[in-house]
Protein backbone atom coordinates (compact mmCIF):
# COMPACT_ATOMS: atom_id res chain seq x y z
CA MET A 1 9.03 30.79 -46.71
CA VAL A 2 5.58 30.04 -45.27
CA ARG A 3 6.56 26.39 -44.82
CA GLN A 4 9.70 27.34 -42.94
CA SER A 5 7.70 29.65 -40.70
CA ALA A 6 5.16 26.88 -40.06
CA ARG A 7 7.92 24.41 -39.24
CA ALA A 8 9.59 26.91 -36.96
CA SER A 9 6.26 27.56 -35.23
CA VAL A 10 5.72 23.83 -34.73
CA VAL A 11 9.24 23.39 -33.35
CA VAL A 12 8.84 26.36 -31.02
CA GLY A 13 5.41 25.10 -29.93
CA LEU A 14 6.75 21.63 -29.21
CA GLY A 15 9.64 23.14 -27.31
CA LEU A 16 7.24 25.16 -25.17
CA VAL A 17 5.14 22.04 -24.49
CA LEU A 18 8.24 20.09 -23.48
CA ALA A 19 9.45 22.92 -21.29
CA ALA A 20 6.06 23.13 -19.60
CA CYS A 21 6.12 19.39 -18.93
CA ALA A 22 9.62 19.60 -17.50
CA VAL A 23 8.63 22.42 -15.16
CA LYS A 24 5.32 20.86 -14.18
CA GLY A 25 6.73 17.35 -13.82
CA PRO A 26 5.10 14.13 -14.88
CA THR A 27 1.38 13.85 -14.49
CA THR A 28 0.06 11.03 -12.38
CA ALA A 29 -3.20 9.19 -12.57
CA ALA A 30 -5.89 9.95 -10.03
CA ALA A 31 -5.45 8.17 -6.73
CA ALA A 32 -7.22 4.82 -6.68
CA PRO A 33 -6.96 1.59 -4.71
CA ASN A 34 -5.41 -0.24 -7.67
CA TYR A 35 -1.89 -0.74 -6.40
CA GLN A 36 -2.10 -4.10 -4.58
CA ALA A 37 0.14 -6.80 -6.01
CA ALA A 38 -1.51 -10.05 -7.00
CA ALA A 39 -1.48 -12.65 -4.23
CA PRO A 40 0.18 -15.94 -5.06
CA ALA A 41 -2.13 -18.88 -5.68
CA ILE A 42 -2.05 -21.04 -2.56
CA ALA A 43 -4.23 -24.07 -2.05
CA THR A 44 -6.96 -23.71 0.54
CA PRO A 45 -6.22 -25.99 3.50
CA ALA A 46 -8.46 -28.98 4.14
CA ASN A 47 -9.12 -27.80 7.71
CA LEU A 48 -10.27 -24.35 6.55
CA ARG A 49 -13.27 -24.14 8.88
CA ALA A 50 -11.03 -24.76 11.89
CA ILE A 51 -8.53 -22.02 11.03
CA CYS A 52 -10.48 -19.45 8.99
CA TYR A 53 -10.95 -15.80 9.90
CA ASN A 54 -14.42 -14.25 10.17
CA ASP A 55 -15.07 -10.84 8.62
CA ALA A 56 -14.25 -8.93 11.82
CA ASP A 57 -10.95 -10.79 12.30
CA LEU A 58 -10.05 -10.30 8.64
CA GLY A 59 -10.66 -6.58 8.99
CA THR A 60 -8.43 -6.45 12.05
CA TYR A 61 -5.68 -8.43 10.34
CA ARG A 62 -5.89 -6.38 7.14
CA ALA A 63 -5.76 -3.03 8.96
CA ARG A 64 -2.59 -4.07 10.77
CA ASN A 65 -1.18 -5.37 7.49
CA VAL A 66 -1.67 -1.96 5.88
CA GLN A 67 -0.04 -0.08 8.73
CA GLN A 68 2.91 -2.46 9.00
CA GLN A 69 3.56 -2.61 5.26
CA LEU A 70 3.43 1.17 4.90
CA ALA A 71 5.84 1.57 7.82
CA VAL A 72 8.31 -0.79 6.14
CA GLY A 73 7.85 1.06 2.85
CA VAL A 74 8.83 4.30 4.54
CA LEU A 75 12.07 2.69 5.72
CA ALA A 76 12.86 1.06 2.37
CA CYS A 77 12.00 3.79 -0.15
CA LYS A 78 14.77 6.35 -0.31
CA GLY A 79 15.60 9.12 -2.73
CA ALA A 80 18.87 9.54 -4.60
CA ASP A 81 20.16 11.51 -1.61
CA GLY A 82 19.53 8.56 0.72
CA GLN A 83 16.69 10.31 2.52
CA ARG A 84 13.41 8.53 3.19
CA ARG A 85 10.92 9.78 0.61
CA LEU A 86 7.67 8.71 2.25
CA THR A 87 8.06 10.02 5.80
CA PRO A 88 5.72 13.00 5.34
CA GLN A 89 3.05 10.76 3.83
CA TYR A 90 3.36 8.27 6.69
CA GLN A 91 3.06 11.05 9.24
CA ALA A 92 -0.10 12.29 7.50
CA PHE A 93 -1.40 8.69 7.38
CA VAL A 94 -0.88 8.22 11.14
CA GLU A 95 -2.49 11.57 11.85
CA LYS A 96 -5.50 10.81 9.64
CA PHE A 97 -6.01 7.24 10.88
CA GLY A 98 -4.81 7.58 14.48
CA PRO A 99 -8.17 6.58 15.99
CA ASP A 100 -8.47 3.62 13.58
CA LEU A 101 -4.94 2.51 14.45
CA SER A 102 -5.65 2.69 18.18
CA THR A 103 -8.85 0.69 17.80
CA ASN A 104 -7.03 -1.82 15.63
CA ALA A 105 -4.29 -2.31 18.24
CA ALA A 106 -6.89 -3.27 20.84
CA GLU A 107 -8.80 -5.50 18.40
CA LEU A 108 -5.57 -7.19 17.34
CA LYS A 109 -4.70 -8.07 20.94
CA THR A 110 -8.13 -9.63 21.39
CA MET A 111 -7.97 -11.51 18.10
CA VAL A 112 -4.51 -13.01 18.63
CA ALA A 113 -5.45 -14.09 22.14
CA ARG A 114 -8.58 -15.79 20.87
CA LYS A 115 -6.71 -17.47 18.01
CA ARG A 116 -3.75 -18.32 20.26
CA LEU A 117 -1.26 -16.44 18.12
CA ASN A 118 1.75 -14.40 19.13
CA ILE A 119 1.21 -10.76 18.18
CA ASP A 120 4.95 -10.06 17.95
CA VAL A 121 5.48 -13.01 15.63
CA MET A 122 2.57 -11.92 13.41
CA VAL A 123 3.70 -8.31 13.13
CA THR A 124 7.33 -9.33 12.56
CA GLU A 125 6.29 -11.76 9.84
CA ILE A 126 4.36 -9.02 8.04
CA ALA A 127 7.37 -6.69 8.32
CA ASN A 128 9.84 -9.34 7.13
CA ARG A 129 7.69 -10.35 4.17
CA THR A 130 7.32 -6.70 3.19
CA ALA A 131 11.03 -6.01 3.60
CA GLY A 132 11.81 -8.85 1.18
CA ARG A 133 9.61 -7.47 -1.60
CA PRO A 134 11.87 -4.72 -3.04
CA THR A 135 14.18 -7.37 -4.50
CA GLU A 136 11.21 -9.17 -6.11
CA ASP A 137 9.02 -6.23 -7.11
CA ALA A 138 10.38 -3.32 -9.11
CA ALA A 139 7.17 -1.41 -8.32
CA PHE A 140 7.68 -1.67 -4.54
CA CYS A 141 8.10 2.06 -3.85
CA SER A 142 5.55 3.01 -6.49
CA ARG A 143 3.01 0.72 -4.79
CA HIS A 144 3.65 2.41 -1.46
CA GLU A 145 3.44 5.89 -2.98
CA ARG A 146 0.11 4.99 -4.59
CA ALA A 147 -1.12 3.46 -1.33
CA PHE A 148 -0.38 6.70 0.50
CA ALA A 149 -1.91 8.75 -2.31
CA TRP A 150 -5.11 6.70 -2.04
CA ALA A 151 -5.21 6.62 1.76
CA LEU A 152 -4.78 10.37 2.03
CA THR A 153 -7.58 11.28 -0.38
CA PRO A 154 -10.70 12.82 1.14
CA GLU A 155 -12.81 9.92 -0.22
CA VAL A 156 -11.05 7.53 2.15
CA THR A 157 -12.56 7.98 5.59
CA SER A 158 -11.63 4.66 7.20
CA LEU A 159 -8.56 2.47 7.32
CA THR A 160 -10.74 -0.40 6.09
CA GLN A 161 -10.87 1.35 2.70
CA VAL A 162 -7.10 1.10 2.23
CA PRO A 163 -5.79 -2.14 0.69
CA SER A 164 -2.29 -3.15 1.70
CA PRO A 165 0.35 -3.10 -1.05
CA TYR A 166 0.65 -6.90 -0.72
CA ASP A 167 -1.92 -9.49 0.30
CA PHE A 168 -0.03 -11.81 2.64
CA GLY A 169 -3.18 -13.56 3.81
CA PRO A 170 -2.71 -16.81 1.89
CA GLU A 171 1.05 -16.88 2.59
CA MET A 172 0.43 -16.40 6.30
CA LYS A 173 -2.42 -18.93 6.39
CA VAL A 174 -5.07 -16.24 6.84
CA PHE A 175 -8.12 -17.37 4.93
CA PRO A 176 -11.69 -16.04 5.06
CA CYS A 177 -14.32 -18.38 6.41
CA PRO A 178 -16.56 -19.84 3.72
CA LYS A 179 -19.96 -18.21 3.42
CA SER A 180 -22.65 -20.76 4.25
């Protein structure tokens, strides 16, 4: 009789734990900048010094990459009802980083002029590369959710602290200048 009572208590206890988990929902890990997909290995060009990006230009490029990739993620990640799941997070992101985004827009114009690039082509290429990722990466929406979770934490005070979900630098021939 005691064994049956103990078993019943265990079953009831497990049922309560399961019910609590169902009500509470799944727990998620703390927000961290650990969501970026690995960049493909691409050979460094022989003329690297002629085409490389200094730290300031890399920061400008990377900030625009983050913003553009997150915008595409908002459009691509939809719930079962067909509604965009990440719109509120994107709105909070734009509100939090509005000054950084404005500064970046001006810096980007200067950088592309200096490097003789077309800003529309660059931004469209980032968007197109991002839009192609859901078919290749099952974690596409999860990466974007984690990116927003990280970006919107109080610890993150600058857009430069937010890695983009994908590093398109090597694919887009954006390489850092060698240190020397």
